Amino acid sequence: MTPATSSREARPPVETAARRAYAHVKQRLLDGRFPGGTLLSENALAHELEISRTPVREAFGQLEAEGLVELYPRRGALVVPISPSEADDVREARMLIEPFCARRAAEGGSVPTAELDASIAEQERALTGAGGDFAAADRWFHRAIVAAGDNALLTRAYDALADRHQRMAATTVARDPSRIERFIAEHREIAAALARGEGDAAAELLTAHLRSAHDVRRRGG
């Protein structure tokens, strides 16, 4: 192996322009900076990222395949809002998955206490304005509980709706940031019940939390 070859192999893979555009747009979709109904311009994003329009178009195509945007030729992409009926569907699916996994994790002694605590700490950073992303940390908290249930099919089912969950959380706290404190308190109660191995209590708290969060979103429109 020549030094030149070794040097080439040692370099990290170069991020493609399309992947960079995809990551840029999707992050803003998930954290609420691009809310439903926003028309995204190919030209504006290409200029912002200092790339051509082609990779932006490719990124839009991938996001359309995920159901996050609708393409409008020569105009850009429209961020697809989460409809009330879709929000209901997400809530119902989560209420089937998450309490079951919480109960199973508690009873099986597989509670990810350190991970739940780290997620709550990140949520508190958002509450204090220290730079945390509440919606992402909220997703992390709930996903950790599902994964601890040790059912691969349920984990995959949750992952399929997690983007919608995160967008809904971002929209809720953007409308009313004061809700973050209430959600964190509920997360602490759930984590404490799990740490005590109280599966039924954790499942009941989680069910009440999901209902409460959904009611807040419905009242907010």
N, C-alpha and C. Protein backbone atom coordinates (compact mmCIF):
# COMPACT_ATOMS: atom_id res chain seq x y z
N MET A 1 0.85 -1.20 0.00
CA MET A 1 0.00 0.00 0.00
C MET A 1 0.88 1.24 0.00
N THR A 2 0.68 2.13 -0.95
CA THR A 2 1.48 3.34 -1.04
C THR A 2 0.98 4.37 -0.05
N PRO A 3 1.87 5.32 0.34
CA PRO A 3 1.42 6.38 1.25
C PRO A 3 0.21 7.13 0.71
N ALA A 4 0.20 7.35 -0.63
CA ALA A 4 -0.93 8.08 -1.21
C ALA A 4 -2.23 7.32 -1.05
N THR A 5 -2.16 5.99 -1.29
CA THR A 5 -3.36 5.16 -1.12
C THR A 5 -3.82 5.17 0.32
N SER A 6 -2.84 5.04 1.25
CA SER A 6 -3.18 5.03 2.67
C SER A 6 -3.86 6.32 3.08
N SER A 7 -3.34 7.44 2.54
CA SER A 7 -3.92 8.74 2.88
C SER A 7 -5.35 8.85 2.38
N ARG A 8 -5.59 8.35 1.14
CA ARG A 8 -6.95 8.41 0.60
C ARG A 8 -7.90 7.57 1.44
N GLU A 9 -7.47 6.38 1.86
CA GLU A 9 -8.35 5.50 2.62
C GLU A 9 -8.61 6.04 4.02
N ALA A 10 -7.68 6.86 4.53
CA ALA A 10 -7.85 7.38 5.88
C ALA A 10 -8.86 8.52 5.95
N ARG A 11 -9.16 9.12 4.80
CA ARG A 11 -10.10 10.25 4.81
C ARG A 11 -11.52 9.76 5.10
N PRO A 12 -12.27 10.54 5.88
CA PRO A 12 -13.67 10.16 6.12
C PRO A 12 -14.47 10.31 4.84
N PRO A 13 -15.58 9.58 4.70
CA PRO A 13 -16.40 9.69 3.49
C PRO A 13 -16.95 11.11 3.35
N VAL A 14 -16.97 11.59 2.13
CA VAL A 14 -17.47 12.93 1.87
C VAL A 14 -19.00 12.90 1.85
N GLU A 15 -19.61 13.81 2.58
CA GLU A 15 -21.07 13.90 2.59
C GLU A 15 -21.54 14.47 1.26
N THR A 16 -22.44 13.78 0.62
CA THR A 16 -22.93 14.28 -0.66
C THR A 16 -23.80 15.51 -0.45
N ALA A 17 -23.88 16.33 -1.49
CA ALA A 17 -24.69 17.54 -1.40
C ALA A 17 -26.16 17.20 -1.18
N ALA A 18 -26.63 16.13 -1.83
CA ALA A 18 -28.03 15.74 -1.66
C ALA A 18 -28.32 15.30 -0.23
N ARG A 19 -27.38 14.56 0.36
CA ARG A 19 -27.58 14.11 1.75
C ARG A 19 -27.54 15.30 2.70
N ARG A 20 -26.67 16.25 2.42
CA ARG A 20 -26.60 17.44 3.27
C ARG A 20 -27.90 18.24 3.18
N ALA A 21 -28.42 18.37 1.96
CA ALA A 21 -29.68 19.08 1.79
C ALA A 21 -30.82 18.35 2.50
N TYR A 22 -30.83 17.03 2.37
CA TYR A 22 -31.87 16.22 3.02
C TYR A 22 -31.82 16.41 4.53
N ALA A 23 -30.62 16.29 5.11
CA ALA A 23 -30.47 16.42 6.56
C ALA A 23 -30.88 17.81 7.04
N HIS A 24 -30.50 18.82 6.27
CA HIS A 24 -30.82 20.21 6.62
C HIS A 24 -32.34 20.43 6.65
N VAL A 25 -33.01 19.99 5.61
CA VAL A 25 -34.46 20.22 5.53
C VAL A 25 -35.20 19.36 6.55
N LYS A 26 -34.80 18.09 6.66
CA LYS A 26 -35.55 17.21 7.57
C LYS A 26 -35.42 17.67 9.02
N GLN A 27 -34.24 18.11 9.42
CA GLN A 27 -34.08 18.60 10.79
C GLN A 27 -35.04 19.75 11.07
N ARG A 28 -35.22 20.62 10.11
CA ARG A 28 -36.10 21.77 10.29
C ARG A 28 -37.57 21.38 10.20
N LEU A 29 -37.86 20.32 9.50
CA LEU A 29 -39.22 19.79 9.52
C LEU A 29 -39.55 19.21 10.89
N LEU A 30 -38.59 18.48 11.46
CA LEU A 30 -38.83 17.80 12.73
C LEU A 30 -38.86 18.76 13.90
N ASP A 31 -38.04 19.82 13.86
CA ASP A 31 -38.01 20.72 15.02
C ASP A 31 -39.00 21.88 14.90
N GLY A 32 -39.79 21.88 13.82
CA GLY A 32 -40.85 22.87 13.70
C GLY A 32 -40.47 24.17 13.02
N ARG A 33 -39.21 24.31 12.60
CA ARG A 33 -38.83 25.55 11.91
C ARG A 33 -39.44 25.63 10.52
N PHE A 34 -39.77 24.47 9.93
CA PHE A 34 -40.54 24.43 8.69
C PHE A 34 -41.88 23.79 9.01
N PRO A 35 -42.86 24.55 9.49
CA PRO A 35 -44.15 23.96 9.88
C PRO A 35 -44.97 23.54 8.67
N GLY A 36 -46.01 22.76 8.94
CA GLY A 36 -46.90 22.32 7.88
C GLY A 36 -47.47 23.51 7.13
N GLY A 37 -47.52 23.39 5.79
CA GLY A 37 -48.03 24.47 4.96
C GLY A 37 -46.95 25.38 4.40
N THR A 38 -45.71 25.20 4.86
CA THR A 38 -44.60 26.02 4.36
C THR A 38 -44.20 25.57 2.96
N LEU A 39 -44.04 26.51 2.05
CA LEU A 39 -43.54 26.20 0.71
C LEU A 39 -42.04 26.42 0.69
N LEU A 40 -41.30 25.35 0.44
CA LEU A 40 -39.84 25.39 0.42
C LEU A 40 -39.35 25.63 -1.00
N SER A 41 -38.48 26.59 -1.15
CA SER A 41 -37.96 26.96 -2.47
C SER A 41 -36.65 26.26 -2.76
N GLU A 42 -36.57 25.60 -3.93
CA GLU A 42 -35.31 25.00 -4.35
C GLU A 42 -34.22 26.04 -4.43
N ASN A 43 -34.53 27.16 -5.04
CA ASN A 43 -33.52 28.21 -5.23
C ASN A 43 -33.00 28.74 -3.90
N ALA A 44 -33.92 29.01 -2.97
CA ALA A 44 -33.51 29.58 -1.69
C ALA A 44 -32.63 28.61 -0.91
N LEU A 45 -33.01 27.33 -0.89
CA LEU A 45 -32.22 26.34 -0.16
C LEU A 45 -30.87 26.11 -0.82
N ALA A 46 -30.86 26.08 -2.14
CA ALA A 46 -29.60 25.90 -2.85
C ALA A 46 -28.65 27.05 -2.54
N HIS A 47 -29.19 28.25 -2.50
CA HIS A 47 -28.37 29.43 -2.18
C HIS A 47 -27.87 29.36 -0.74
N GLU A 48 -28.76 28.98 0.19
CA GLU A 48 -28.39 28.90 1.60
C GLU A 48 -27.28 27.88 1.84
N LEU A 49 -27.38 26.73 1.17
CA LEU A 49 -26.42 25.65 1.37
C LEU A 49 -25.22 25.74 0.43
N GLU A 50 -25.27 26.71 -0.48
CA GLU A 50 -24.19 26.90 -1.45
C GLU A 50 -23.96 25.65 -2.30
N ILE A 51 -25.07 25.13 -2.82
CA ILE A 51 -25.03 23.97 -3.71
C ILE A 51 -25.95 24.27 -4.89
N SER A 52 -25.95 23.37 -5.88
CA SER A 52 -26.84 23.56 -7.01
C SER A 52 -28.26 23.11 -6.65
N ARG A 53 -29.20 23.36 -7.54
CA ARG A 53 -30.58 22.97 -7.28
C ARG A 53 -30.79 21.47 -7.37
N THR A 54 -29.95 20.77 -8.13
CA THR A 54 -30.15 19.33 -8.34
C THR A 54 -30.15 18.54 -7.04
N PRO A 55 -29.16 18.69 -6.15
CA PRO A 55 -29.22 17.93 -4.89
C PRO A 55 -30.39 18.32 -4.00
N VAL A 56 -30.82 19.57 -4.07
CA VAL A 56 -32.00 19.98 -3.31
C VAL A 56 -33.23 19.25 -3.83
N ARG A 57 -33.32 19.14 -5.16
CA ARG A 57 -34.43 18.42 -5.77
C ARG A 57 -34.41 16.94 -5.36
N GLU A 58 -33.21 16.36 -5.31
CA GLU A 58 -33.09 14.97 -4.88
C GLU A 58 -33.54 14.81 -3.43
N ALA A 59 -33.15 15.75 -2.59
CA ALA A 59 -33.57 15.71 -1.18
C ALA A 59 -35.08 15.81 -1.07
N PHE A 60 -35.68 16.71 -1.85
CA PHE A 60 -37.14 16.84 -1.84
C PHE A 60 -37.80 15.52 -2.25
N GLY A 61 -37.22 14.83 -3.23
CA GLY A 61 -37.77 13.56 -3.67
C GLY A 61 -37.78 12.53 -2.56
N GLN A 62 -36.70 12.49 -1.78
CA GLN A 62 -36.64 11.54 -0.67
C GLN A 62 -37.65 11.91 0.42
N LEU A 63 -37.77 13.19 0.70
CA LEU A 63 -38.73 13.63 1.71
C LEU A 63 -40.16 13.39 1.26
N GLU A 64 -40.42 13.49 -0.05
CA GLU A 64 -41.75 13.18 -0.57
C GLU A 64 -42.05 11.70 -0.37
N ALA A 65 -41.05 10.84 -0.59
CA ALA A 65 -41.25 9.40 -0.40
C ALA A 65 -41.57 9.08 1.05
N GLU A 66 -41.12 9.91 1.98
CA GLU A 66 -41.40 9.71 3.40
C GLU A 66 -42.71 10.36 3.83
N GLY A 67 -43.39 11.00 2.88
CA GLY A 67 -44.67 11.62 3.19
C GLY A 67 -44.57 12.95 3.90
N LEU A 68 -43.39 13.57 3.87
CA LEU A 68 -43.19 14.82 4.60
C LEU A 68 -43.46 16.06 3.76
N VAL A 69 -43.29 15.95 2.44
CA VAL A 69 -43.54 17.09 1.56
C VAL A 69 -44.27 16.63 0.31
N GLU A 70 -44.88 17.59 -0.38
CA GLU A 70 -45.46 17.36 -1.71
C GLU A 70 -44.72 18.25 -2.70
N LEU A 71 -44.34 17.68 -3.84
CA LEU A 71 -43.56 18.43 -4.82
C LEU A 71 -44.46 19.25 -5.73
N TYR A 72 -44.00 20.46 -6.02
CA TYR A 72 -44.67 21.35 -6.97
C TYR A 72 -43.63 21.77 -8.00
N PRO A 73 -43.69 21.19 -9.21
CA PRO A 73 -42.68 21.48 -10.22
C PRO A 73 -42.50 22.98 -10.45
N ARG A 74 -41.24 23.37 -10.54
CA ARG A 74 -40.83 24.75 -10.78
C ARG A 74 -41.17 25.70 -9.63
N ARG A 75 -41.70 25.15 -8.55
CA ARG A 75 -41.99 25.99 -7.38
C ARG A 75 -41.23 25.53 -6.14
N GLY A 76 -41.19 24.23 -5.91
CA GLY A 76 -40.50 23.72 -4.74
C GLY A 76 -41.27 22.58 -4.11
N ALA A 77 -41.32 22.58 -2.79
CA ALA A 77 -41.99 21.50 -2.06
C ALA A 77 -42.80 22.10 -0.92
N LEU A 78 -44.01 21.58 -0.75
CA LEU A 78 -44.89 22.03 0.32
C LEU A 78 -44.79 21.07 1.49
N VAL A 79 -44.54 21.60 2.68
CA VAL A 79 -44.48 20.76 3.88
C VAL A 79 -45.89 20.28 4.19
N VAL A 80 -46.06 18.96 4.26
CA VAL A 80 -47.39 18.38 4.49
C VAL A 80 -47.77 18.53 5.96
N PRO A 81 -48.88 19.20 6.26
CA PRO A 81 -49.31 19.31 7.65
C PRO A 81 -49.77 17.95 8.18
N ILE A 82 -49.69 17.79 9.49
CA ILE A 82 -50.26 16.60 10.12
C ILE A 82 -51.71 16.92 10.44
N SER A 83 -52.62 16.21 9.80
CA SER A 83 -54.05 16.48 9.96
C SER A 83 -54.53 15.99 11.33
N PRO A 84 -55.66 16.50 11.81
CA PRO A 84 -56.21 16.01 13.07
C PRO A 84 -56.44 14.50 13.07
N SER A 85 -56.91 13.95 11.95
CA SER A 85 -57.16 12.51 11.91
C SER A 85 -55.84 11.73 11.97
N GLU A 86 -54.81 12.25 11.33
CA GLU A 86 -53.51 11.58 11.39
C GLU A 86 -52.93 11.66 12.81
N ALA A 87 -53.11 12.80 13.47
CA ALA A 87 -52.66 12.93 14.85
C ALA A 87 -53.39 11.93 15.75
N ASP A 88 -54.69 11.74 15.50
CA ASP A 88 -55.44 10.73 16.26
C ASP A 88 -54.86 9.34 16.04
N ASP A 89 -54.52 9.04 14.79
CA ASP A 89 -53.96 7.73 14.47
C ASP A 89 -52.62 7.51 15.18
N VAL A 90 -51.80 8.55 15.21
CA VAL A 90 -50.50 8.45 15.89
C VAL A 90 -50.71 8.20 17.37
N ARG A 91 -51.63 8.95 17.97
CA ARG A 91 -51.91 8.77 19.39
C ARG A 91 -52.38 7.35 19.70
N GLU A 92 -53.31 6.84 18.89
CA GLU A 92 -53.84 5.50 19.13
C GLU A 92 -52.75 4.44 19.00
N ALA A 93 -51.90 4.59 17.98
CA ALA A 93 -50.81 3.62 17.80
C ALA A 93 -49.85 3.66 18.97
N ARG A 94 -49.51 4.86 19.43
CA ARG A 94 -48.58 4.97 20.55
C ARG A 94 -49.18 4.41 21.83
N MET A 95 -50.49 4.57 22.00
CA MET A 95 -51.12 4.06 23.22
C MET A 95 -51.19 2.54 23.22
N LEU A 96 -51.14 1.94 22.06
CA LEU A 96 -51.07 0.48 21.99
C LEU A 96 -49.65 -0.02 22.27
N ILE A 97 -48.66 0.73 21.79
CA ILE A 97 -47.27 0.27 21.87
C ILE A 97 -46.60 0.62 23.19
N GLU A 98 -46.66 1.89 23.58
CA GLU A 98 -45.81 2.37 24.66
C GLU A 98 -46.16 1.82 26.05
N PRO A 99 -47.43 1.81 26.48
CA PRO A 99 -47.72 1.26 27.80
C PRO A 99 -47.33 -0.22 27.91
N PHE A 100 -47.57 -0.99 26.85
CA PHE A 100 -47.17 -2.40 26.85
C PHE A 100 -45.67 -2.53 27.06
N CYS A 101 -44.89 -1.73 26.32
CA CYS A 101 -43.43 -1.81 26.42
C CYS A 101 -42.95 -1.34 27.78
N ALA A 102 -43.60 -0.32 28.34
CA ALA A 102 -43.22 0.16 29.67
C ALA A 102 -43.43 -0.93 30.72
N ARG A 103 -44.58 -1.58 30.65
CA ARG A 103 -44.88 -2.65 31.60
C ARG A 103 -43.87 -3.79 31.46
N ARG A 104 -43.57 -4.14 30.23
CA ARG A 104 -42.65 -5.25 29.99
C ARG A 104 -41.24 -4.90 30.45
N ALA A 105 -40.81 -3.67 30.22
CA ALA A 105 -39.47 -3.26 30.65
C ALA A 105 -39.35 -3.29 32.17
N ALA A 106 -40.37 -2.79 32.85
CA ALA A 106 -40.34 -2.77 34.32
C ALA A 106 -40.34 -4.17 34.89
N GLU A 107 -41.19 -5.02 34.36
CA GLU A 107 -41.29 -6.38 34.88
C GLU A 107 -40.07 -7.22 34.54
N GLY A 108 -39.40 -6.88 33.42
CA GLY A 108 -38.23 -7.64 33.02
C GLY A 108 -36.92 -7.09 33.54
N GLY A 109 -36.99 -5.99 34.28
CA GLY A 109 -35.77 -5.41 34.83
C GLY A 109 -34.85 -4.81 33.79
N SER A 110 -35.42 -4.36 32.67
CA SER A 110 -34.59 -3.82 31.58
C SER A 110 -34.79 -2.32 31.40
N VAL A 111 -35.12 -1.63 32.48
CA VAL A 111 -35.39 -0.19 32.40
C VAL A 111 -34.09 0.57 32.12
N PRO A 112 -34.07 1.40 31.07
CA PRO A 112 -32.86 2.16 30.73
C PRO A 112 -32.78 3.46 31.54
N THR A 113 -32.57 3.32 32.84
CA THR A 113 -32.65 4.48 33.74
C THR A 113 -31.72 5.61 33.33
N ALA A 114 -30.47 5.27 33.02
CA ALA A 114 -29.50 6.31 32.67
C ALA A 114 -29.92 7.05 31.40
N GLU A 115 -30.46 6.32 30.44
CA GLU A 115 -30.89 6.94 29.19
C GLU A 115 -32.10 7.85 29.40
N LEU A 116 -33.03 7.39 30.23
CA LEU A 116 -34.20 8.22 30.51
C LEU A 116 -33.80 9.50 31.25
N ASP A 117 -32.88 9.36 32.21
CA ASP A 117 -32.40 10.53 32.95
C ASP A 117 -31.69 11.51 32.02
N ALA A 118 -30.89 10.99 31.10
CA ALA A 118 -30.17 11.86 30.16
C ALA A 118 -31.15 12.59 29.25
N SER A 119 -32.20 11.90 28.84
CA SER A 119 -33.22 12.54 28.00
C SER A 119 -33.93 13.65 28.76
N ILE A 120 -34.28 13.39 30.01
CA ILE A 120 -34.95 14.41 30.82
C ILE A 120 -34.03 15.61 31.03
N ALA A 121 -32.75 15.36 31.23
CA ALA A 121 -31.79 16.47 31.38
C ALA A 121 -31.76 17.33 30.12
N GLU A 122 -31.84 16.68 28.96
CA GLU A 122 -31.85 17.43 27.70
C GLU A 122 -33.15 18.23 27.57
N GLN A 123 -34.26 17.66 28.03
CA GLN A 123 -35.52 18.39 28.01
C GLN A 123 -35.44 19.63 28.91
N GLU A 124 -34.77 19.49 30.04
CA GLU A 124 -34.64 20.62 30.96
C GLU A 124 -33.75 21.71 30.37
N ARG A 125 -32.79 21.34 29.56
CA ARG A 125 -31.98 22.35 28.87
C ARG A 125 -32.87 23.20 27.96
N ALA A 126 -33.82 22.55 27.31
CA ALA A 126 -34.76 23.30 26.46
C ALA A 126 -35.63 24.22 27.31
N LEU A 127 -36.05 23.73 28.47
CA LEU A 127 -36.90 24.53 29.36
C LEU A 127 -36.19 25.79 29.82
N THR A 128 -34.89 25.68 30.12
CA THR A 128 -34.14 26.82 30.64
C THR A 128 -33.52 27.68 29.55
N GLY A 129 -33.75 27.29 28.28
CA GLY A 129 -33.19 28.06 27.19
C GLY A 129 -31.71 27.83 26.98
N ALA A 130 -31.21 26.68 27.45
CA ALA A 130 -29.78 26.38 27.35
C ALA A 130 -29.42 25.67 26.06
N GLY A 131 -30.36 25.60 25.13
CA GLY A 131 -30.03 25.06 23.81
C GLY A 131 -30.55 23.69 23.50
N GLY A 132 -31.26 23.05 24.42
CA GLY A 132 -31.77 21.72 24.15
C GLY A 132 -32.94 21.75 23.17
N ASP A 133 -33.14 20.65 22.49
CA ASP A 133 -34.26 20.49 21.55
C ASP A 133 -35.29 19.61 22.24
N PHE A 134 -36.36 20.21 22.75
CA PHE A 134 -37.32 19.43 23.53
C PHE A 134 -37.94 18.30 22.72
N ALA A 135 -38.38 18.60 21.50
CA ALA A 135 -39.07 17.58 20.71
C ALA A 135 -38.18 16.38 20.44
N ALA A 136 -36.90 16.62 20.14
CA ALA A 136 -35.97 15.52 19.90
C ALA A 136 -35.73 14.72 21.17
N ALA A 137 -35.60 15.42 22.31
CA ALA A 137 -35.39 14.73 23.58
C ALA A 137 -36.63 13.96 24.00
N ASP A 138 -37.80 14.50 23.70
CA ASP A 138 -39.06 13.81 23.98
C ASP A 138 -39.14 12.51 23.18
N ARG A 139 -38.79 12.58 21.92
CA ARG A 139 -38.75 11.38 21.08
C ARG A 139 -37.78 10.36 21.65
N TRP A 140 -36.61 10.81 22.07
CA TRP A 140 -35.59 9.94 22.65
C TRP A 140 -36.14 9.22 23.89
N PHE A 141 -36.83 9.97 24.76
CA PHE A 141 -37.39 9.40 25.99
C PHE A 141 -38.36 8.27 25.67
N HIS A 142 -39.31 8.55 24.80
CA HIS A 142 -40.34 7.55 24.50
C HIS A 142 -39.76 6.37 23.71
N ARG A 143 -38.83 6.64 22.83
CA ARG A 143 -38.22 5.55 22.06
C ARG A 143 -37.41 4.62 22.97
N ALA A 144 -36.76 5.18 23.99
CA ALA A 144 -35.99 4.36 24.93
C ALA A 144 -36.90 3.39 25.68
N ILE A 145 -38.10 3.85 26.03
CA ILE A 145 -39.05 2.97 26.71
C ILE A 145 -39.50 1.86 25.78
N VAL A 146 -39.81 2.21 24.55
CA VAL A 146 -40.25 1.20 23.59
C VAL A 146 -39.15 0.16 23.36
N ALA A 147 -37.92 0.63 23.15
CA ALA A 147 -36.81 -0.30 22.91
C ALA A 147 -36.58 -1.21 24.10
N ALA A 148 -36.80 -0.70 25.32
CA ALA A 148 -36.60 -1.50 26.52
C ALA A 148 -37.63 -2.62 26.64
N GLY A 149 -38.74 -2.50 25.91
CA GLY A 149 -39.73 -3.56 25.90
C GLY A 149 -39.26 -4.81 25.19
N ASP A 150 -38.16 -4.69 24.45
CA ASP A 150 -37.49 -5.84 23.83
C ASP A 150 -38.40 -6.60 22.87
N ASN A 151 -39.10 -5.85 22.04
CA ASN A 151 -39.91 -6.46 20.99
C ASN A 151 -39.57 -5.73 19.69
N ALA A 152 -38.82 -6.40 18.83
CA ALA A 152 -38.29 -5.75 17.63
C ALA A 152 -39.41 -5.24 16.72
N LEU A 153 -40.51 -5.98 16.61
CA LEU A 153 -41.60 -5.55 15.74
C LEU A 153 -42.25 -4.27 16.26
N LEU A 154 -42.44 -4.19 17.58
CA LEU A 154 -43.04 -2.98 18.14
C LEU A 154 -42.09 -1.79 18.03
N THR A 155 -40.80 -2.05 18.19
CA THR A 155 -39.82 -0.97 18.04
C THR A 155 -39.84 -0.42 16.62
N ARG A 156 -39.91 -1.31 15.64
CA ARG A 156 -39.97 -0.86 14.24
C ARG A 156 -41.27 -0.10 13.98
N ALA A 157 -42.36 -0.57 14.57
CA ALA A 157 -43.64 0.13 14.40
C ALA A 157 -43.56 1.54 14.98
N TYR A 158 -42.93 1.66 16.15
CA TYR A 158 -42.78 2.99 16.74
C TYR A 158 -41.90 3.87 15.86
N ASP A 159 -40.80 3.32 15.37
CA ASP A 159 -39.89 4.10 14.53
C ASP A 159 -40.60 4.63 13.28
N ALA A 160 -41.58 3.87 12.79
CA ALA A 160 -42.31 4.29 11.59
C ALA A 160 -43.16 5.54 11.82
N LEU A 161 -43.52 5.79 13.07
CA LEU A 161 -44.35 6.97 13.35
C LEU A 161 -43.61 8.03 14.17
N ALA A 162 -42.33 7.79 14.46
CA ALA A 162 -41.59 8.69 15.35
C ALA A 162 -41.39 10.08 14.76
N ASP A 163 -41.23 10.17 13.43
CA ASP A 163 -41.10 11.51 12.83
C ASP A 163 -42.35 12.34 13.07
N ARG A 164 -43.51 11.72 12.93
CA ARG A 164 -44.77 12.44 13.18
C ARG A 164 -44.87 12.84 14.65
N HIS A 165 -44.49 11.91 15.53
CA HIS A 165 -44.48 12.20 16.97
C HIS A 165 -43.64 13.45 17.24
N GLN A 166 -42.44 13.49 16.68
CA GLN A 166 -41.54 14.62 16.94
C GLN A 166 -42.10 15.92 16.38
N ARG A 167 -42.67 15.88 15.19
CA ARG A 167 -43.26 17.09 14.60
C ARG A 167 -44.43 17.59 15.45
N MET A 168 -45.24 16.66 15.95
CA MET A 168 -46.37 17.04 16.78
C MET A 168 -45.90 17.67 18.08
N ALA A 169 -44.86 17.10 18.69
CA ALA A 169 -44.32 17.67 19.93
C ALA A 169 -43.76 19.06 19.69
N ALA A 170 -43.04 19.23 18.58
CA ALA A 170 -42.45 20.54 18.27
C ALA A 170 -43.54 21.59 18.08
N THR A 171 -44.62 21.21 17.41
CA THR A 171 -45.72 22.15 17.18
C THR A 171 -46.39 22.55 18.49
N THR A 172 -46.57 21.56 19.38
CA THR A 172 -47.23 21.82 20.66
C THR A 172 -46.45 22.81 21.50
N VAL A 173 -45.15 22.57 21.66
CA VAL A 173 -44.37 23.45 22.53
C VAL A 173 -44.09 24.80 21.88
N ALA A 174 -44.13 24.85 20.54
CA ALA A 174 -43.97 26.15 19.87
C ALA A 174 -45.18 27.03 20.16
N ARG A 175 -46.37 26.42 20.19
CA ARG A 175 -47.59 27.18 20.48
C ARG A 175 -47.63 27.62 21.94
N ASP A 176 -47.16 26.74 22.83
CA ASP A 176 -47.25 27.03 24.27
C ASP A 176 -46.02 26.46 24.97
N PRO A 177 -44.91 27.21 25.01
CA PRO A 177 -43.68 26.70 25.63
C PRO A 177 -43.85 26.34 27.10
N SER A 178 -44.86 26.91 27.76
CA SER A 178 -45.07 26.59 29.18
C SER A 178 -45.43 25.13 29.39
N ARG A 179 -45.86 24.44 28.32
CA ARG A 179 -46.23 23.03 28.46
C ARG A 179 -45.00 22.15 28.70
N ILE A 180 -43.82 22.63 28.35
CA ILE A 180 -42.62 21.81 28.51
C ILE A 180 -42.46 21.38 29.96
N GLU A 181 -42.67 22.30 30.89
CA GLU A 181 -42.49 21.98 32.31
C GLU A 181 -43.44 20.86 32.74
N ARG A 182 -44.68 20.92 32.28
CA ARG A 182 -45.65 19.87 32.63
C ARG A 182 -45.23 18.54 32.03
N PHE A 183 -44.80 18.53 30.79
CA PHE A 183 -44.39 17.28 30.15
C PHE A 183 -43.17 16.67 30.85
N ILE A 184 -42.23 17.51 31.26
CA ILE A 184 -41.05 17.00 31.96
C ILE A 184 -41.46 16.37 33.29
N ALA A 185 -42.36 17.02 34.02
CA ALA A 185 -42.82 16.46 35.29
C ALA A 185 -43.46 15.09 35.08
N GLU A 186 -44.25 14.96 34.03
CA GLU A 186 -44.88 13.67 33.73
C GLU A 186 -43.83 12.63 33.34
N HIS A 187 -42.82 13.05 32.59
CA HIS A 187 -41.75 12.12 32.24
C HIS A 187 -41.02 11.63 33.49
N ARG A 188 -40.80 12.53 34.44
CA ARG A 188 -40.12 12.14 35.68
C ARG A 188 -40.94 11.10 36.45
N GLU A 189 -42.25 11.28 36.49
CA GLU A 189 -43.11 10.32 37.18
C GLU A 189 -43.06 8.96 36.50
N ILE A 190 -43.08 8.96 35.19
CA ILE A 190 -43.01 7.70 34.44
C ILE A 190 -41.68 7.01 34.69
N ALA A 191 -40.58 7.77 34.61
CA ALA A 191 -39.25 7.20 34.82
C ALA A 191 -39.10 6.64 36.23
N ALA A 192 -39.66 7.35 37.22
CA ALA A 192 -39.57 6.88 38.60
C ALA A 192 -40.32 5.57 38.80
N ALA A 193 -41.51 5.47 38.22
CA ALA A 193 -42.28 4.22 38.33
C ALA A 193 -41.54 3.07 37.66
N LEU A 194 -40.94 3.33 36.53
CA LEU A 194 -40.15 2.29 35.85
C LEU A 194 -38.97 1.87 36.70
N ALA A 195 -38.28 2.84 37.29
CA ALA A 195 -37.10 2.53 38.11
C ALA A 195 -37.48 1.68 39.32
N ARG A 196 -38.70 1.87 39.83
CA ARG A 196 -39.16 1.07 40.97
C ARG A 196 -39.66 -0.31 40.54
N GLY A 197 -39.71 -0.54 39.25
CA GLY A 197 -40.21 -1.82 38.75
C GLY A 197 -41.71 -1.94 38.79
N GLU A 198 -42.40 -0.80 38.85
CA GLU A 198 -43.87 -0.79 38.93
C GLU A 198 -44.45 -0.67 37.52
N GLY A 199 -44.56 -1.80 36.85
CA GLY A 199 -44.98 -1.80 35.46
C GLY A 199 -46.37 -1.27 35.24
N ASP A 200 -47.33 -1.68 36.07
CA ASP A 200 -48.71 -1.22 35.89
C ASP A 200 -48.81 0.29 36.11
N ALA A 201 -48.13 0.78 37.14
CA ALA A 201 -48.17 2.22 37.42
C ALA A 201 -47.54 3.01 36.28
N ALA A 202 -46.41 2.52 35.78
CA ALA A 202 -45.73 3.20 34.67
C ALA A 202 -46.63 3.23 33.44
N ALA A 203 -47.29 2.11 33.16
CA ALA A 203 -48.17 2.05 31.99
C ALA A 203 -49.35 3.01 32.14
N GLU A 204 -49.91 3.10 33.34
CA GLU A 204 -51.03 4.01 33.58
C GLU A 204 -50.59 5.47 33.45
N LEU A 205 -49.42 5.79 34.00
CA LEU A 205 -48.91 7.15 33.90
C LEU A 205 -48.62 7.52 32.44
N LEU A 206 -48.08 6.57 31.71
CA LEU A 206 -47.76 6.82 30.30
C LEU A 206 -49.02 7.02 29.48
N THR A 207 -50.04 6.22 29.75
CA THR A 207 -51.32 6.38 29.05
C THR A 207 -51.92 7.76 29.32
N ALA A 208 -51.90 8.17 30.60
CA ALA A 208 -52.44 9.48 30.95
C ALA A 208 -51.63 10.60 30.30
N HIS A 209 -50.32 10.42 30.24
CA HIS A 209 -49.44 11.41 29.61
C HIS A 209 -49.75 11.56 28.13
N LEU A 210 -49.92 10.44 27.44
CA LEU A 210 -50.21 10.49 26.01
C LEU A 210 -51.56 11.16 25.75
N ARG A 211 -52.54 10.86 26.59
CA ARG A 211 -53.85 11.49 26.44
C ARG A 211 -53.76 12.99 26.69
N SER A 212 -53.05 13.37 27.74
CA SER A 212 -52.91 14.78 28.08
C SER A 212 -52.22 15.56 26.96
N ALA A 213 -51.13 15.01 26.45
CA ALA A 213 -50.39 15.68 25.38
C ALA A 213 -51.26 15.81 24.13
N HIS A 214 -52.02 14.76 23.83
CA HIS A 214 -52.87 14.80 22.65
C HIS A 214 -53.98 15.84 22.82
N ASP A 215 -54.55 15.93 24.02
CA ASP A 215 -55.60 16.91 24.27
C ASP A 215 -55.08 18.34 24.09
N VAL A 216 -53.84 18.56 24.53
CA VAL A 216 -53.23 19.89 24.36
C VAL A 216 -53.11 20.22 22.88
N ARG A 217 -52.67 19.24 22.09
CA ARG A 217 -52.52 19.47 20.65
C ARG A 217 -53.86 19.74 19.99
N ARG A 218 -54.89 19.00 20.39
CA ARG A 218 -56.20 19.19 19.78
C ARG A 218 -56.75 20.58 20.12
N ARG A 219 -56.55 21.02 21.37
CA ARG A 219 -57.04 22.35 21.75
C ARG A 219 -56.30 23.45 21.01
N GLY A 220 -55.03 23.14 20.66
CA GLY A 220 -54.24 24.14 19.95
C GLY A 220 -54.56 24.20 18.48
N GLY A 221 -55.38 23.26 18.00
CA GLY A 221 -55.76 23.26 16.59
C GLY A 221 -54.86 22.39 15.81
